[in-house]
């Protein structure tokens, strides 16, 4: 059986990061924030080291969410809504904190998704490479 690493090429860190950023923006526009794990998994598929997989997912989703929230703060009332949410905690004028925490949560989801994707690939490749042990004939 062929290994997943033989099927999916190692495209490098920067192209994997770009793929994760594009997927993070597309999946965030779908409305389901939890799908950032899926965007991170793609970072793990296209890299070969777990540290790079985590970084590709973390930075990719963080950049994707950061770009999207920056765009929304320029074109919509994102900062006003963030100020309302932070005002519920009794902190006024710190709406940027809501955006920073949101980006950090998304980035962590992407990073752990990348780590999950890389770990699953290595686990499946290890399972497929093990051959059955012959039993002694009586």
Protein backbone atom coordinates (compact mmCIF):
# COMPACT_ATOMS: atom_id res chain seq x y z
CA UNK A 1 0.00 0.00 0.00
CA UNK A 2 1.32 3.44 -0.90
CA UNK A 3 2.01 5.95 1.83
CA UNK A 4 0.17 9.25 2.03
CA UNK A 5 3.50 11.09 2.00
CA UNK A 6 4.27 9.45 -1.37
CA UNK A 7 0.93 10.57 -2.81
CA UNK A 8 0.83 14.15 -1.50
CA UNK A 9 4.01 16.11 -2.28
CA UNK A 10 5.97 18.22 0.18
CA UNK A 11 5.37 21.65 -1.34
CA UNK A 12 7.22 23.59 1.34
CA UNK A 13 6.20 25.88 4.15
CA UNK A 14 5.28 29.07 2.25
CA UNK A 15 2.96 27.41 -0.33
CA UNK A 16 1.32 25.40 2.46
CA UNK A 17 0.85 28.63 4.40
CA UNK A 18 -0.80 30.29 1.40
CA UNK A 19 -3.15 27.32 0.96
CA UNK A 20 -4.14 27.49 4.64
CA UNK A 21 -4.76 31.26 4.46
CA UNK A 22 -7.04 30.89 1.43
CA UNK A 23 -8.89 27.95 2.98
CA UNK A 24 -9.27 29.77 6.31
CA UNK A 25 -10.84 32.79 4.63
CA UNK A 26 -13.15 30.61 2.52
CA UNK A 27 -14.21 28.47 5.45
CA UNK A 28 -14.72 31.49 7.71
CA UNK A 29 -17.00 33.05 5.09
CA UNK A 30 -19.07 29.86 5.22
CA UNK A 31 -19.98 30.81 8.79
CA UNK A 32 -18.65 27.79 10.68
CA UNK A 33 -15.63 28.90 12.70
CA UNK A 34 -14.87 25.38 13.91
CA UNK A 35 -13.86 24.41 10.36
CA UNK A 36 -10.54 26.17 10.94
CA UNK A 37 -9.33 22.75 12.06
CA UNK A 38 -9.87 21.55 8.48
CA UNK A 39 -7.84 24.46 7.11
CA UNK A 40 -5.04 23.55 9.50
CA UNK A 41 -5.16 19.89 8.47
CA UNK A 42 -4.18 20.95 4.96
CA UNK A 43 -1.12 22.63 6.44
CA UNK A 44 -0.22 19.28 7.97
CA UNK A 45 -0.77 17.40 4.73
CA UNK A 46 1.64 19.51 2.70
CA UNK A 47 4.50 19.67 5.22
CA UNK A 48 6.65 16.86 6.59
CA UNK A 49 7.50 18.05 10.10
CA UNK A 50 5.04 18.45 12.97
CA UNK A 51 6.51 21.81 13.97
CA UNK A 52 6.04 23.19 10.45
CA UNK A 53 2.54 21.70 10.31
CA UNK A 54 1.58 23.50 13.53
CA UNK A 55 3.13 26.76 12.32
CA UNK A 56 1.47 26.53 8.89
CA UNK A 57 -1.92 26.01 10.51
CA UNK A 58 -1.38 28.60 13.25
CA UNK A 59 0.01 31.35 11.03
CA UNK A 60 -2.26 30.54 8.10
CA UNK A 61 -5.50 30.72 10.04
CA UNK A 62 -4.23 33.66 12.10
CA UNK A 63 -3.39 35.59 8.93
CA UNK A 64 -6.67 34.58 7.30
CA UNK A 65 -8.76 35.71 10.24
CA UNK A 66 -6.65 38.82 10.72
CA UNK A 67 -7.09 39.87 7.10
CA UNK A 68 -10.81 39.16 7.21
CA UNK A 69 -11.36 41.04 10.46
CA UNK A 70 -9.21 43.93 9.24
CA UNK A 71 -11.38 44.16 6.13
CA UNK A 72 -14.54 44.01 8.22
CA UNK A 73 -13.31 46.70 10.56
CA UNK A 74 -12.72 49.00 7.58
CA UNK A 75 -15.96 48.31 5.73
CA UNK A 76 -18.45 47.36 8.45
CA UNK A 77 -19.10 48.17 12.05
CA UNK A 78 -16.86 45.40 13.38
CA UNK A 79 -15.14 47.66 15.92
CA UNK A 80 -18.47 48.98 17.19
CA UNK A 81 -19.70 45.44 17.72
CA UNK A 82 -16.43 44.47 19.40
CA UNK A 83 -16.77 47.49 21.73
CA UNK A 84 -20.29 46.34 22.64
CA UNK A 85 -19.02 42.86 23.54
CA UNK A 86 -16.10 44.15 25.60
CA UNK A 87 -18.46 46.65 27.25
CA UNK A 88 -20.42 43.70 28.64
CA UNK A 89 -17.32 42.87 30.68
CA UNK A 90 -17.08 46.42 31.99
CA UNK A 91 -14.12 47.38 29.84
CA UNK A 92 -14.77 50.35 27.61
CA UNK A 93 -12.74 51.30 24.56
CA UNK A 94 -10.93 47.97 24.28
CA UNK A 95 -12.81 46.45 21.35
CA UNK A 96 -9.51 45.56 19.72
CA UNK A 97 -9.04 42.99 22.49
CA UNK A 98 -12.06 41.03 21.23
CA UNK A 99 -10.53 40.91 17.75
CA UNK A 100 -7.10 39.86 19.06
CA UNK A 101 -8.63 37.07 21.16
CA UNK A 102 -10.73 35.93 18.19
CA UNK A 103 -7.69 35.75 15.93
CA UNK A 104 -5.73 33.91 18.63
CA UNK A 105 -8.50 31.32 19.08
CA UNK A 106 -8.72 30.80 15.33
CA UNK A 107 -4.95 30.51 15.03
CA UNK A 108 -4.83 27.91 17.80
CA UNK A 109 -7.56 25.92 16.06
CA UNK A 110 -5.57 26.03 12.84
CA UNK A 111 -2.34 25.10 14.57
CA UNK A 112 -3.84 22.12 16.34
CA UNK A 113 -5.55 21.14 13.09
CA UNK A 114 -2.16 21.14 11.35
CA UNK A 115 -0.70 19.05 14.16
CA UNK A 116 -3.65 16.66 13.94
CA UNK A 117 -3.31 16.34 10.17
CA UNK A 118 0.43 15.64 10.30
CA UNK A 119 0.00 13.15 13.15
CA UNK A 120 -2.77 11.29 11.31
CA UNK A 121 -0.65 11.06 8.17
CA UNK A 122 2.28 9.66 10.12
CA UNK A 123 0.01 7.23 12.00
CA UNK A 124 -1.65 5.94 8.83
CA UNK A 125 1.71 5.66 7.06
CA UNK A 126 3.11 3.67 9.99
CA UNK A 127 0.12 1.34 9.96
CA UNK A 128 0.37 0.77 6.22
CA UNK A 129 4.10 0.07 6.33
CA UNK A 130 3.85 -2.67 8.95
CA UNK A 131 3.62 -6.09 7.44
CA UNK A 132 1.98 -8.96 9.24
CA UNK A 133 4.37 -11.02 11.31
CA UNK A 134 4.56 -14.62 10.04
CA UNK A 135 3.44 -17.17 12.57
CA UNK A 136 5.54 -20.30 13.12
CA UNK A 137 4.24 -23.43 11.45
CA UNK A 138 3.54 -26.38 13.78
